[in-house]
Amino acid sequence: MRIFKFAIVGASGVVVNLAILWLLTELAGLFYLLSAVASIEVSIVTNFLLNEHWTFSDRRSGGSMLTRGVKFNCVSVVAMAVNIAVLFALTQYAGLYYMISELAGIAAGFLLNFFLNLKWTWV
């Protein structure tokens, strides 16, 4: 059941991520990779808060909320590296639209994110 909650939170993060990615790239004129880093970080924060209070609300023995937040961000930065690599490769070399490439990047980081957070952040 926990992975489904994590997936629902992740889906909300996808919406946040894609909205901010599009806004920063199309309206603010930032290069899509810079927009992606910013949009991913915002979705990391929103995902942490939702996971902290819903998905893993019964697993808070891993230190303070700040400690778990730092751990979550560390794990998410690893997944972000995977995400950005997929985004870049699919956009630059496969010629996909950056928003489609971002969805593939998000999918690539999902399981890594879940299992690392399950085993390290919320122990």
PDB file of N, CA and C in Angstrom:
ATOM      1  N   MET A   1       0.820  -1.199   0.000  1.00  0.00           N
ATOM      2  CA  MET A   1       0.000   0.000   0.000  1.00  0.00           C
ATOM      3  C   MET A   1       0.865   1.265   0.000  1.00  0.00           C
ATOM      4  N   ARG A   2       2.006   1.211   0.682  1.00  0.00           N
ATOM      5  CA  ARG A   2       2.855   2.385   0.793  1.00  0.00           C
ATOM      6  C   ARG A   2       3.360   2.861  -0.571  1.00  0.00           C
ATOM      7  N   ILE A   3       3.715   1.916  -1.448  1.00  0.00           N
ATOM      8  CA  ILE A   3       4.216   2.324  -2.762  1.00  0.00           C
ATOM      9  C   ILE A   3       3.133   3.046  -3.566  1.00  0.00           C
ATOM     10  N   PHE A   4       1.858   2.706  -3.332  1.00  0.00           N
ATOM     11  CA  PHE A   4       0.772   3.392  -4.025  1.00  0.00           C
ATOM     12  C   PHE A   4       0.623   4.825  -3.507  1.00  0.00           C
ATOM     13  N   LYS A   5       0.759   5.004  -2.202  1.00  0.00           N
ATOM     14  CA  LYS A   5       0.738   6.358  -1.648  1.00  0.00           C
ATOM     15  C   LYS A   5       1.908   7.165  -2.199  1.00  0.00           C
ATOM     16  N   PHE A   6       3.085   6.537  -2.233  1.00  0.00           N
ATOM     17  CA  PHE A   6       4.274   7.195  -2.767  1.00  0.00           C
ATOM     18  C   PHE A   6       4.040   7.586  -4.228  1.00  0.00           C
ATOM     19  N   ALA A   7       3.384   6.718  -4.981  1.00  0.00           N
ATOM     20  CA  ALA A   7       3.096   6.987  -6.392  1.00  0.00           C
ATOM     21  C   ALA A   7       2.099   8.135  -6.546  1.00  0.00           C
ATOM     22  N   ILE A   8       1.101   8.205  -5.672  1.00  0.00           N
ATOM     23  CA  ILE A   8       0.120   9.294  -5.729  1.00  0.00           C
ATOM     24  C   ILE A   8       0.803  10.627  -5.415  1.00  0.00           C
ATOM     25  N   VAL A   9       1.638  10.625  -4.382  1.00  0.00           N
ATOM     26  CA  VAL A   9       2.403  11.828  -4.058  1.00  0.00           C
ATOM     27  C   VAL A   9       3.302  12.181  -5.242  1.00  0.00           C
ATOM     28  N   GLY A  10       3.932  11.168  -5.811  1.00  0.00           N
ATOM     29  CA  GLY A  10       4.791  11.391  -6.972  1.00  0.00           C
ATOM     30  C   GLY A  10       4.031  11.985  -8.143  1.00  0.00           C
ATOM     31  N   ALA A  11       2.802  11.532  -8.343  1.00  0.00           N
ATOM     32  CA  ALA A  11       1.980  12.072  -9.433  1.00  0.00           C
ATOM     33  C   ALA A  11       1.705  13.556  -9.211  1.00  0.00           C
ATOM     34  N   SER A  12       1.454  13.937  -7.959  1.00  0.00           N
ATOM     35  CA  SER A  12       1.260  15.365  -7.682  1.00  0.00           C
ATOM     36  C   SER A  12       2.554  16.128  -7.942  1.00  0.00           C
ATOM     37  N   GLY A  13       3.678  15.486  -7.641  1.00  0.00           N
ATOM     38  CA  GLY A  13       4.977  16.094  -7.919  1.00  0.00           C
ATOM     39  C   GLY A  13       5.236  16.247  -9.410  1.00  0.00           C
ATOM     40  N   VAL A  14       4.736  15.304 -10.197  1.00  0.00           N
ATOM     41  CA  VAL A  14       4.869  15.395 -11.652  1.00  0.00           C
ATOM     42  C   VAL A  14       4.138  16.631 -12.164  1.00  0.00           C
ATOM     43  N   VAL A  15       2.943  16.854 -11.644  1.00  0.00           N
ATOM     44  CA  VAL A  15       2.162  18.032 -12.052  1.00  0.00           C
ATOM     45  C   VAL A  15       2.922  19.312 -11.692  1.00  0.00           C
ATOM     46  N   VAL A  16       3.424  19.376 -10.454  1.00  0.00           N
ATOM     47  CA  VAL A  16       4.197  20.543 -10.015  1.00  0.00           C
ATOM     48  C   VAL A  16       5.424  20.708 -10.901  1.00  0.00           C
ATOM     49  N   ASN A  17       6.161  19.623 -11.097  1.00  0.00           N
ATOM     50  CA  ASN A  17       7.386  19.646 -11.887  1.00  0.00           C
ATOM     51  C   ASN A  17       7.127  20.141 -13.304  1.00  0.00           C
ATOM     52  N   LEU A  18       6.167  19.526 -13.981  1.00  0.00           N
ATOM     53  CA  LEU A  18       5.908  19.883 -15.378  1.00  0.00           C
ATOM     54  C   LEU A  18       5.385  21.308 -15.521  1.00  0.00           C
ATOM     55  N   ALA A  19       4.545  21.737 -14.588  1.00  0.00           N
ATOM     56  CA  ALA A  19       4.016  23.106 -14.648  1.00  0.00           C
ATOM     57  C   ALA A  19       5.138  24.131 -14.509  1.00  0.00           C
ATOM     58  N   ILE A  20       6.000  23.921 -13.533  1.00  0.00           N
ATOM     59  CA  ILE A  20       7.095  24.870 -13.313  1.00  0.00           C
ATOM     60  C   ILE A  20       8.114  24.788 -14.447  1.00  0.00           C
ATOM     61  N   LEU A  21       8.392  23.585 -14.918  1.00  0.00           N
ATOM     62  CA  LEU A  21       9.305  23.416 -16.056  1.00  0.00           C
ATOM     63  C   LEU A  21       8.801  24.205 -17.263  1.00  0.00           C
ATOM     64  N   TRP A  22       7.533  24.053 -17.581  1.00  0.00           N
ATOM     65  CA  TRP A  22       6.965  24.745 -18.728  1.00  0.00           C
ATOM     66  C   TRP A  22       6.987  26.257 -18.516  1.00  0.00           C
ATOM     67  N   LEU A  23       6.558  26.715 -17.336  1.00  0.00           N
ATOM     68  CA  LEU A  23       6.527  28.152 -17.053  1.00  0.00           C
ATOM     69  C   LEU A  23       7.915  28.788 -17.163  1.00  0.00           C
ATOM     70  N   LEU A  24       8.904  28.138 -16.557  1.00  0.00           N
ATOM     71  CA  LEU A  24      10.260  28.695 -16.579  1.00  0.00           C
ATOM     72  C   LEU A  24      10.874  28.660 -17.970  1.00  0.00           C
ATOM     73  N   THR A  25      10.578  27.614 -18.729  1.00  0.00           N
ATOM     74  CA  THR A  25      11.153  27.492 -20.066  1.00  0.00           C
ATOM     75  C   THR A  25      10.431  28.374 -21.075  1.00  0.00           C
ATOM     76  N   GLU A  26       9.118  28.256 -21.115  1.00  0.00           N
ATOM     77  CA  GLU A  26       8.339  28.953 -22.147  1.00  0.00           C
ATOM     78  C   GLU A  26       8.061  30.421 -21.815  1.00  0.00           C
ATOM     79  N   LEU A  27       7.759  30.719 -20.573  1.00  0.00           N
ATOM     80  CA  LEU A  27       7.405  32.096 -20.221  1.00  0.00           C
ATOM     81  C   LEU A  27       8.598  32.913 -19.738  1.00  0.00           C
ATOM     82  N   ALA A  28       9.461  32.290 -18.937  1.00  0.00           N
ATOM     83  CA  ALA A  28      10.626  33.020 -18.424  1.00  0.00           C
ATOM     84  C   ALA A  28      11.820  32.941 -19.374  1.00  0.00           C
ATOM     85  N   GLY A  29      11.779  32.011 -20.322  1.00  0.00           N
ATOM     86  CA  GLY A  29      12.836  31.910 -21.325  1.00  0.00           C
ATOM     87  C   GLY A  29      14.122  31.244 -20.856  1.00  0.00           C
ATOM     88  N   LEU A  30      14.053  30.489 -19.752  1.00  0.00           N
ATOM     89  CA  LEU A  30      15.251  29.787 -19.282  1.00  0.00           C
ATOM     90  C   LEU A  30      15.529  28.562 -20.153  1.00  0.00           C
ATOM     91  N   PHE A  31      16.785  28.182 -20.236  1.00  0.00           N
ATOM     92  CA  PHE A  31      17.180  26.951 -20.916  1.00  0.00           C
ATOM     93  C   PHE A  31      16.506  25.784 -20.198  1.00  0.00           C
ATOM     94  N   TYR A  32      15.980  24.824 -20.946  1.00  0.00           N
ATOM     95  CA  TYR A  32      15.154  23.763 -20.369  1.00  0.00           C
ATOM     96  C   TYR A  32      15.866  22.966 -19.276  1.00  0.00           C
ATOM     97  N   LEU A  33      17.172  22.794 -19.363  1.00  0.00           N
ATOM     98  CA  LEU A  33      17.869  22.039 -18.307  1.00  0.00           C
ATOM     99  C   LEU A  33      17.924  22.829 -17.002  1.00  0.00           C
ATOM    100  N   LEU A  34      18.095  24.143 -17.080  1.00  0.00           N
ATOM    101  CA  LEU A  34      18.054  24.975 -15.867  1.00  0.00           C
ATOM    102  C   LEU A  34      16.647  24.988 -15.277  1.00  0.00           C
ATOM    103  N   SER A  35      15.665  25.091 -16.145  1.00  0.00           N
ATOM    104  CA  SER A  35      14.276  25.034 -15.684  1.00  0.00           C
ATOM    105  C   SER A  35      13.989  23.707 -15.003  1.00  0.00           C
ATOM    106  N   ALA A  36      14.543  22.633 -15.552  1.00  0.00           N
ATOM    107  CA  ALA A  36      14.309  21.297 -14.987  1.00  0.00           C
ATOM    108  C   ALA A  36      14.873  21.184 -13.581  1.00  0.00           C
ATOM    109  N   VAL A  37      16.070  21.688 -13.370  1.00  0.00           N
ATOM    110  CA  VAL A  37      16.667  21.619 -12.027  1.00  0.00           C
ATOM    111  C   VAL A  37      15.785  22.356 -11.030  1.00  0.00           C
ATOM    112  N   ALA A  38      15.336  23.549 -11.375  1.00  0.00           N
ATOM    113  CA  ALA A  38      14.480  24.321 -10.469  1.00  0.00           C
ATOM    114  C   ALA A  38      13.143  23.623 -10.248  1.00  0.00           C
ATOM    115  N   SER A  39      12.544  23.125 -11.310  1.00  0.00           N
ATOM    116  CA  SER A  39      11.226  22.487 -11.165  1.00  0.00           C
ATOM    117  C   SER A  39      11.313  21.194 -10.373  1.00  0.00           C
ATOM    118  N   ILE A  40      12.384  20.460 -10.559  1.00  0.00           N
ATOM    119  CA  ILE A  40      12.571  19.223  -9.799  1.00  0.00           C
ATOM    120  C   ILE A  40      12.743  19.546  -8.318  1.00  0.00           C
ATOM    121  N   GLU A  41      13.518  20.563  -8.009  1.00  0.00           N
ATOM    122  CA  GLU A  41      13.739  20.909  -6.597  1.00  0.00           C
ATOM    123  C   GLU A  41      12.442  21.346  -5.918  1.00  0.00           C
ATOM    124  N   VAL A  42      11.615  22.105  -6.595  1.00  0.00           N
ATOM    125  CA  VAL A  42      10.325  22.502  -6.015  1.00  0.00           C
ATOM    126  C   VAL A  42       9.462  21.264  -5.777  1.00  0.00           C
ATOM    127  N   SER A  43       9.447  20.349  -6.739  1.00  0.00           N
ATOM    128  CA  SER A  43       8.643  19.137  -6.558  1.00  0.00           C
ATOM    129  C   SER A  43       9.227  18.247  -5.458  1.00  0.00           C
ATOM    130  N   ILE A  44      10.534  18.296  -5.247  1.00  0.00           N
ATOM    131  CA  ILE A  44      11.148  17.552  -4.144  1.00  0.00           C
ATOM    132  C   ILE A  44      10.581  18.045  -2.813  1.00  0.00           C
ATOM    133  N   VAL A  45      10.501  19.344  -2.658  1.00  0.00           N
ATOM    134  CA  VAL A  45       9.988  19.919  -1.401  1.00  0.00           C
ATOM    135  C   VAL A  45       8.523  19.541  -1.194  1.00  0.00           C
ATOM    136  N   THR A  46       7.701  19.701  -2.227  1.00  0.00           N
ATOM    137  CA  THR A  46       6.285  19.360  -2.062  1.00  0.00           C
ATOM    138  C   THR A  46       6.107  17.860  -1.829  1.00  0.00           C
ATOM    139  N   ASN A  47       6.885  17.046  -2.530  1.00  0.00           N
ATOM    140  CA  ASN A  47       6.796  15.594  -2.327  1.00  0.00           C
ATOM    141  C   ASN A  47       7.229  15.202  -0.922  1.00  0.00           C
ATOM    142  N   PHE A  48       8.288  15.829  -0.418  1.00  0.00           N
ATOM    143  CA  PHE A  48       8.719  15.506   0.944  1.00  0.00           C
ATOM    144  C   PHE A  48       7.604  15.790   1.940  1.00  0.00           C
ATOM    145  N   LEU A  49       7.012  16.956   1.855  1.00  0.00           N
ATOM    146  CA  LEU A  49       5.976  17.322   2.822  1.00  0.00           C
ATOM    147  C   LEU A  49       4.790  16.366   2.761  1.00  0.00           C
ATOM    148  N   LEU A  50       4.363  16.005   1.566  1.00  0.00           N
ATOM    149  CA  LEU A  50       3.248  15.059   1.433  1.00  0.00           C
ATOM    150  C   LEU A  50       3.629  13.661   1.923  1.00  0.00           C
ATOM    151  N   ASN A  51       4.828  13.215   1.585  1.00  0.00           N
ATOM    152  CA  ASN A  51       5.271  11.898   2.059  1.00  0.00           C
ATOM    153  C   ASN A  51       5.444  11.883   3.578  1.00  0.00           C
ATOM    154  N   GLU A  52       5.974  12.942   4.118  1.00  0.00           N
ATOM    155  CA  GLU A  52       6.182  13.043   5.564  1.00  0.00           C
ATOM    156  C   GLU A  52       4.860  12.932   6.318  1.00  0.00           C
ATOM    157  N   HIS A  53       3.836  13.586   5.806  1.00  0.00           N
ATOM    158  CA  HIS A  53       2.569  13.651   6.534  1.00  0.00           C
ATOM    159  C   HIS A  53       1.540  12.610   6.114  1.00  0.00           C
ATOM    160  N   TRP A  54       1.814  11.861   5.042  1.00  0.00           N
ATOM    161  CA  TRP A  54       0.833  10.875   4.594  1.00  0.00           C
ATOM    162  C   TRP A  54       1.463   9.503   4.353  1.00  0.00           C
ATOM    163  N   THR A  55       2.373   9.410   3.403  1.00  0.00           N
ATOM    164  CA  THR A  55       2.927   8.108   3.018  1.00  0.00           C
ATOM    165  C   THR A  55       3.674   7.435   4.155  1.00  0.00           C
ATOM    166  N   PHE A  56       4.514   8.194   4.844  1.00  0.00           N
ATOM    167  CA  PHE A  56       5.367   7.635   5.893  1.00  0.00           C
ATOM    168  C   PHE A  56       5.041   8.200   7.272  1.00  0.00           C
ATOM    169  N   SER A  57       3.793   8.584   7.494  1.00  0.00           N
ATOM    170  CA  SER A  57       3.419   9.199   8.768  1.00  0.00           C
ATOM    171  C   SER A  57       3.633   8.265   9.955  1.00  0.00           C
ATOM    172  N   ASP A  58       3.681   6.967   9.701  1.00  0.00           N
ATOM    173  CA  ASP A  58       3.884   5.991  10.781  1.00  0.00           C
ATOM    174  C   ASP A  58       5.355   5.621  10.970  1.00  0.00           C
ATOM    175  N   ARG A  59       6.256   6.238  10.205  1.00  0.00           N
ATOM    176  CA  ARG A  59       7.683   5.893  10.264  1.00  0.00           C
ATOM    177  C   ARG A  59       8.515   7.146  10.476  1.00  0.00           C
ATOM    178  N   ARG A  60       8.441   7.687  11.654  1.00  0.00           N
ATOM    179  CA  ARG A  60       9.160   8.927  11.927  1.00  0.00           C
ATOM    180  C   ARG A  60      10.225   8.768  13.004  1.00  0.00           C
ATOM    181  N   SER A  61      10.795   7.593  13.095  1.00  0.00           N
ATOM    182  CA  SER A  61      11.825   7.383  14.109  1.00  0.00           C
ATOM    183  C   SER A  61      13.218   7.730  13.593  1.00  0.00           C
ATOM    184  N   GLY A  62      13.331   8.155  12.350  1.00  0.00           N
ATOM    185  CA  GLY A  62      14.625   8.449  11.735  1.00  0.00           C
ATOM    186  C   GLY A  62      15.114   9.854  11.989  1.00  0.00           C
ATOM    187  N   GLY A  63      14.977  10.356  13.208  1.00  0.00           N
ATOM    188  CA  GLY A  63      15.435  11.701  13.530  1.00  0.00           C
ATOM    189  C   GLY A  63      14.336  12.723  13.344  1.00  0.00           C
ATOM    190  N   SER A  64      14.743  13.977  13.310  1.00  0.00           N
ATOM    191  CA  SER A  64      13.786  15.080  13.192  1.00  0.00           C
ATOM    192  C   SER A  64      13.261  15.204  11.760  1.00  0.00           C
ATOM    193  N   MET A  65      12.222  16.008  11.605  1.00  0.00           N
ATOM    194  CA  MET A  65      11.684  16.268  10.278  1.00  0.00           C
ATOM    195  C   MET A  65      12.764  16.919   9.400  1.00  0.00           C
ATOM    196  N   LEU A  66      13.561  17.786   9.970  1.00  0.00           N
ATOM    197  CA  LEU A  66      14.654  18.418   9.220  1.00  0.00           C
ATOM    198  C   LEU A  66      15.650  17.364   8.732  1.00  0.00           C
ATOM    199  N   THR A  67      16.003  16.422   9.604  1.00  0.00           N
ATOM    200  CA  THR A  67      16.931  15.348   9.219  1.00  0.00           C
ATOM    201  C   THR A  67      16.345  14.525   8.082  1.00  0.00           C
ATOM    202  N   ARG A  68      15.077  14.158   8.202  1.00  0.00           N
ATOM    203  CA  ARG A  68      14.428  13.392   7.131  1.00  0.00           C
ATOM    204  C   ARG A  68      14.352  14.221   5.847  1.00  0.00           C
ATOM    205  N   GLY A  69      14.105  15.509   5.976  1.00  0.00           N
ATOM    206  CA  GLY A  69      14.049  16.381   4.801  1.00  0.00           C
ATOM    207  C   GLY A  69      15.381  16.447   4.074  1.00  0.00           C
ATOM    208  N   VAL A  70      16.458  16.528   4.826  1.00  0.00           N
ATOM    209  CA  VAL A  70      17.793  16.546   4.224  1.00  0.00           C
ATOM    210  C   VAL A  70      18.076  15.202   3.551  1.00  0.00           C
ATOM    211  N   LYS A  71      17.736  14.109   4.237  1.00  0.00           N
ATOM    212  CA  LYS A  71      17.927  12.776   3.638  1.00  0.00           C
ATOM    213  C   LYS A  71      17.117  12.634   2.354  1.00  0.00           C
ATOM    214  N   PHE A  72      15.847  13.055   2.406  1.00  0.00           N
ATOM    215  CA  PHE A  72      14.974  12.974   1.236  1.00  0.00           C
ATOM    216  C   PHE A  72      15.568  13.768   0.081  1.00  0.00           C
ATOM    217  N   ASN A  73      16.064  14.964   0.381  1.00  0.00           N
ATOM    218  CA  ASN A  73      16.651  15.793  -0.665  1.00  0.00           C
ATOM    219  C   ASN A  73      17.911  15.145  -1.236  1.00  0.00           C
ATOM    220  N   CYS A  74      18.720  14.535  -0.389  1.00  0.00           N
ATOM    221  CA  CYS A  74      19.929  13.838  -0.876  1.00  0.00           C
ATOM    222  C   CYS A  74      19.556  12.711  -1.834  1.00  0.00           C
ATOM    223  N   VAL A  75      18.582  11.907  -1.437  1.00  0.00           N
ATOM    224  CA  VAL A  75      18.116  10.816  -2.300  1.00  0.00           C
ATOM    225  C   VAL A  75      17.555  11.391  -3.594  1.00  0.00           C
ATOM    226  N   SER A  76      16.780  12.445  -3.464  1.00  0.00           N
ATOM    227  CA  SER A  76      16.140  13.039  -4.634  1.00  0.00           C
ATOM    228  C   SER A  76      17.147  13.663  -5.592  1.00  0.00           C
ATOM    229  N   VAL A  77      18.253  14.163  -5.073  1.00  0.00           N
ATOM    230  CA  VAL A  77      19.292  14.720  -5.940  1.00  0.00           C
ATOM    231  C   VAL A  77      19.942  13.613  -6.767  1.00  0.00           C
ATOM    232  N   VAL A  78      20.091  12.423  -6.186  1.00  0.00           N
ATOM    233  CA  VAL A  78      20.596  11.283  -6.956  1.00  0.00           C
ATOM    234  C   VAL A  78      19.610  10.954  -8.077  1.00  0.00           C
ATOM    235  N   ALA A  79      18.330  10.902  -7.737  1.00  0.00           N
ATOM    236  CA  ALA A  79      17.310  10.641  -8.751  1.00  0.00           C
ATOM    237  C   ALA A  79      17.247  11.784  -9.761  1.00  0.00           C
ATOM    238  N   MET A  80      17.511  13.022  -9.305  1.00  0.00           N
ATOM    239  CA  MET A  80      17.522  14.165 -10.211  1.00  0.00           C
ATOM    240  C   MET A  80      18.612  14.006 -11.271  1.00  0.00           C
ATOM    241  N   ALA A  81      19.758  13.488 -10.866  1.00  0.00           N
ATOM    242  CA  ALA A  81      20.843  13.282 -11.826  1.00  0.00           C
ATOM    243  C   ALA A  81      20.411  12.317 -12.929  1.00  0.00           C
ATOM    244  N   VAL A  82      19.725  11.250 -12.534  1.00  0.00           N
ATOM    245  CA  VAL A  82      19.192  10.295 -13.509  1.00  0.00           C
ATOM    246  C   VAL A  82      18.169  11.001 -14.402  1.00  0.00           C
ATOM    247  N   ASN A  83      17.276  11.737 -13.784  1.00  0.00           N
ATOM    248  CA  ASN A  83      16.230  12.468 -14.502  1.00  0.00           C
ATOM    249  C   ASN A  83      16.839  13.419 -15.535  1.00  0.00           C
ATOM    250  N   ILE A  84      17.791  14.239 -15.122  1.00  0.00           N
ATOM    251  CA  ILE A  84      18.406  15.229 -16.015  1.00  0.00           C
ATOM    252  C   ILE A  84      19.153  14.534 -17.156  1.00  0.00           C
ATOM    253  N   ALA A  85      19.827  13.429 -16.860  1.00  0.00           N
ATOM    254  CA  ALA A  85      20.543  12.686 -17.908  1.00  0.00           C
ATOM    255  C   ALA A  85      19.570  12.162 -18.960  1.00  0.00           C
ATOM    256  N   VAL A  86      18.452  11.596 -18.509  1.00  0.00           N
ATOM    257  CA  VAL A  86      17.436  11.090 -19.444  1.00  0.00           C
ATOM    258  C   VAL A  86      16.823  12.250 -20.224  1.00  0.00           C
ATOM    259  N   LEU A  87      16.482  13.329 -19.535  1.00  0.00           N
ATOM    260  CA  LEU A  87      15.921  14.511 -20.180  1.00  0.00           C
ATOM    261  C   LEU A  87      16.848  15.018 -21.282  1.00  0.00           C
ATOM    262  N   PHE A  88      18.108  15.174 -20.967  1.00  0.00           N
ATOM    263  CA  PHE A  88      19.083  15.674 -21.937  1.00  0.00           C
ATOM    264  C   PHE A  88      19.238  14.720 -23.115  1.00  0.00           C
ATOM    265  N   ALA A  89      19.433  13.448 -22.823  1.00  0.00           N
ATOM    266  CA  ALA A  89      19.661  12.469 -23.891  1.00  0.00           C
ATOM    267  C   ALA A  89      18.470  12.373 -24.840  1.00  0.00           C
ATOM    268  N   LEU A  90      17.282  12.292 -24.281  1.00  0.00           N
ATOM    269  CA  LEU A  90      16.103  12.147 -25.136  1.00  0.00           C
ATOM    270  C   LEU A  90      15.781  13.420 -25.919  1.00  0.00           C
ATOM    271  N   THR A  91      16.061  14.564 -25.325  1.00  0.00           N
ATOM    272  CA  THR A  91      15.783  15.822 -26.017  1.00  0.00           C
ATOM    273  C   THR A  91      16.854  16.118 -27.068  1.00  0.00           C
ATOM    274  N   GLN A  92      18.114  16.009 -26.676  1.00  0.00           N
ATOM    275  CA  GLN A  92      19.211  16.376 -27.579  1.00  0.00           C
ATOM    276  C   GLN A  92      19.492  15.329 -28.656  1.00  0.00           C
ATOM    277  N   TYR A  93      19.434  14.068 -28.278  1.00  0.00           N
ATOM    278  CA  TYR A  93      19.858  13.021 -29.212  1.00  0.00           C
ATOM    279  C   TYR A  93      18.702  12.280 -29.877  1.00  0.00           C
ATOM    280  N   ALA A  94      17.587  12.155 -29.182  1.00  0.00           N
ATOM    281  CA  ALA A  94      16.437  11.466 -29.783  1.00  0.00           C
ATOM    282  C   ALA A  94      15.444  12.461 -30.395  1.00  0.00           C
ATOM    283  N   GLY A  95      15.645  13.748 -30.109  1.00  0.00           N
ATOM    284  CA  GLY A  95      14.808  14.781 -30.701  1.00  0.00           C
ATOM    285  C   GLY A  95      13.407  14.886 -30.120  1.00  0.00           C
ATOM    286  N   LEU A  96      13.194  14.333 -28.922  1.00  0.00           N
ATOM    287  CA  LEU A  96      11.874  14.435 -28.299  1.00  0.00           C
ATOM    288  C   LEU A  96      11.655  15.828 -27.718  1.00  0.00           C
ATOM    289  N   TYR A  97      10.400  16.208 -27.638  1.00  0.00           N
ATOM    290  CA  TYR A  97      10.014  17.449 -26.977  1.00  0.00           C
ATOM    291  C   TYR A  97      10.423  17.342 -25.507  1.00  0.00           C
ATOM    292  N   TYR A  98      11.001  18.403 -24.958  1.00  0.00           N
ATOM    293  CA  TYR A  98      11.556  18.345 -23.606  1.00  0.00           C
ATOM    294  C   TYR A  98      10.547  17.933 -22.541  1.00  0.00           C
ATOM    295  N   MET A  99       9.283  18.250 -22.722  1.00  0.00           N
ATOM    296  CA  MET A  99       8.275  17.867 -21.722  1.00  0.00           C
ATOM    297  C   MET A  99       8.056  16.351 -21.724  1.00  0.00           C
ATOM    298  N   ILE A 100       8.117  15.729 -22.880  1.00  0.00           N
ATOM    299  CA  ILE A 100       8.002  14.269 -22.979  1.00  0.00           C
ATOM    300  C   ILE A 100       9.256  13.621 -22.389  1.00  0.00           C
ATOM    301  N   SER A 101      10.398  14.185 -22.702  1.00  0.00           N
ATOM    302  CA  SER A 101      11.651  13.672 -22.145  1.00  0.00           C
ATOM    303  C   SER A 101      11.654  13.745 -20.627  1.00  0.00           C
ATOM    304  N   GLU A 102      11.082  14.807 -20.090  1.00  0.00           N
ATOM    305  CA  GLU A 102      11.017  14.964 -18.629  1.00  0.00           C
ATOM    306  C   GLU A 102      10.171  13.872 -17.995  1.00  0.00           C
ATOM    307  N   LEU A 103       9.068  13.526 -18.629  1.00  0.00           N
ATOM    308  CA  LEU A 103       8.249  12.422 -18.110  1.00  0.00           C
ATOM    309  C   LEU A 103       9.045  11.119 -18.053  1.00  0.00           C
ATOM    310  N   ALA A 104       9.824  10.853 -19.070  1.00  0.00           N
ATOM    311  CA  ALA A 104      10.672   9.649 -19.076  1.00  0.00           C
ATOM    312  C   ALA A 104      11.719   9.733 -17.969  1.00  0.00           C
ATOM    313  N   GLY A 105      12.283  10.909 -17.759  1.00  0.00           N
ATOM    314  CA  GLY A 105      13.265  11.092 -16.693  1.00  0.00           C
ATOM    315  C   GLY A 105      12.675  10.875 -15.316  1.00  0.00           C
ATOM    316  N   ILE A 106      11.466  11.367 -15.120  1.00  0.00           N
ATOM    317  CA  ILE A 106      10.770  11.159 -13.850  1.00  0.00           C
ATOM    318  C   ILE A 106      10.546   9.670 -13.612  1.00  0.00           C
ATOM    319  N   ALA A 107      10.084   8.981 -14.635  1.00  0.00           N
ATOM    320  CA  ALA A 107       9.844   7.538 -14.512  1.00  0.00           C
ATOM    321  C   ALA A 107      11.134   6.793 -14.178  1.00  0.00           C
ATOM    322  N   ALA A 108      12.231   7.215 -14.775  1.00  0.00           N
ATOM    323  CA  ALA A 108      13.515   6.548 -14.534  1.00  0.00           C
ATOM    324  C   ALA A 108      13.957   6.675 -13.073  1.00  0.00           C
ATOM    325  N   GLY A 109      13.615   7.789 -12.427  1.00  0.00           N
ATOM    326  CA  GLY A 109      14.031   7.988 -11.045  1.00  0.00           C
ATOM    327  C   GLY A 109      13.071   7.487  -9.992  1.00  0.00           C
ATOM    328  N   PHE A 110      11.862   7.089 -10.379  1.00  0.00           N
ATOM    329  CA  PHE A 110      10.813   6.758  -9.408  1.00  0.00           C
ATOM    330  C   PHE A 110      11.189   5.616  -8.462  1.00  0.00           C
ATOM    331  N   LEU A 111      11.526   4.452  -8.987  1.00  0.00           N
ATOM    332  CA  LEU A 111      11.810   3.293  -8.119  1.00  0.00           C
ATOM    333  C   LEU A 111      13.053   3.523  -7.272  1.00  0.00           C
ATOM    334  N   LEU A 112      14.065   4.118  -7.865  1.00  0.00           N
ATOM    335  CA  LEU A 112      15.271   4.449  -7.101  1.00  0.00           C
ATOM    336  C   LEU A 112      14.890   5.333  -5.917  1.00  0.00           C
ATOM    337  N   ASN A 113      14.099   6.337  -6.169  1.00  0.00           N
ATOM    338  CA  ASN A 113      13.650   7.255  -5.134  1.00  0.00           C
ATOM    339  C   ASN A 113      12.878   6.531  -4.031  1.00  0.00           C
ATOM    340  N   PHE A 114      11.935   5.685  -4.424  1.00  0.00           N
ATOM    341  CA  PHE A 114      11.115   4.991  -3.432  1.00  0.00           C
ATOM    342  C   PHE A 114      11.960   4.108  -2.525  1.00  0.00           C
ATOM    343  N   PHE A 115      12.771   3.251  -3.096  1.00  0.00           N
ATOM    344  CA  PHE A 115      13.510   2.278  -2.287  1.00  0.00           C
ATOM    345  C   PHE A 115      14.593   2.926  -1.429  1.00  0.00           C
ATOM    346  N   LEU A 116      15.261   3.928  -1.934  1.00  0.00           N
ATOM    347  CA  LEU A 116      16.261   4.611  -1.102  1.00  0.00           C
ATOM    348  C   LEU A 116      15.599   5.352   0.056  1.00  0.00           C
ATOM    349  N   ASN A 117      14.461   5.990  -0.213  1.00  0.00           N
ATOM    350  CA  ASN A 117      13.757   6.680   0.874  1.00  0.00           C
ATOM    351  C   ASN A 117      13.176   5.702   1.882  1.00  0.00           C
ATOM    352  N   LEU A 118      12.656   4.597   1.418  1.00  0.00           N
ATOM    353  CA  LEU A 118      12.100   3.579   2.316  1.00  0.00           C
ATOM    354  C   LEU A 118      13.163   3.033   3.257  1.00  0.00           C
ATOM    355  N   LYS A 119      14.352   2.796   2.739  1.00  0.00           N
ATOM    356  CA  LYS A 119      15.424   2.160   3.518  1.00  0.00           C
ATOM    357  C   LYS A 119      16.288   3.149   4.301  1.00  0.00           C
ATOM    358  N   TRP A 120      16.260   4.441   3.933  1.00  0.00           N
ATOM    359  CA  TRP A 120      17.183   5.377   4.590  1.00  0.00           C
ATOM    360  C   TRP A 120      16.473   6.564   5.228  1.00  0.00           C
ATOM    361  N   THR A 121      15.544   7.186   4.535  1.00  0.00           N
ATOM    362  CA  THR A 121      14.940   8.434   5.048  1.00  0.00           C
ATOM    363  C   THR A 121      13.937   8.153   6.149  1.00  0.00           C
ATOM    364  N   TRP A 122      12.993   7.266   5.883  1.00  0.00           N
ATOM    365  CA  TRP A 122      11.960   6.948   6.874  1.00  0.00           C
ATOM    366  C   TRP A 122      12.197   5.529   7.375  1.00  0.00           C
ATOM    367  N   VAL A 123      13.084   5.405   8.339  1.00  0.00           N
ATOM    368  CA  VAL A 123      13.413   4.090   8.898  1.00  0.00           C
ATOM    369  C   VAL A 123      12.626   3.835  10.167  1.00  0.00           C
TER     370      VAL A 123
END
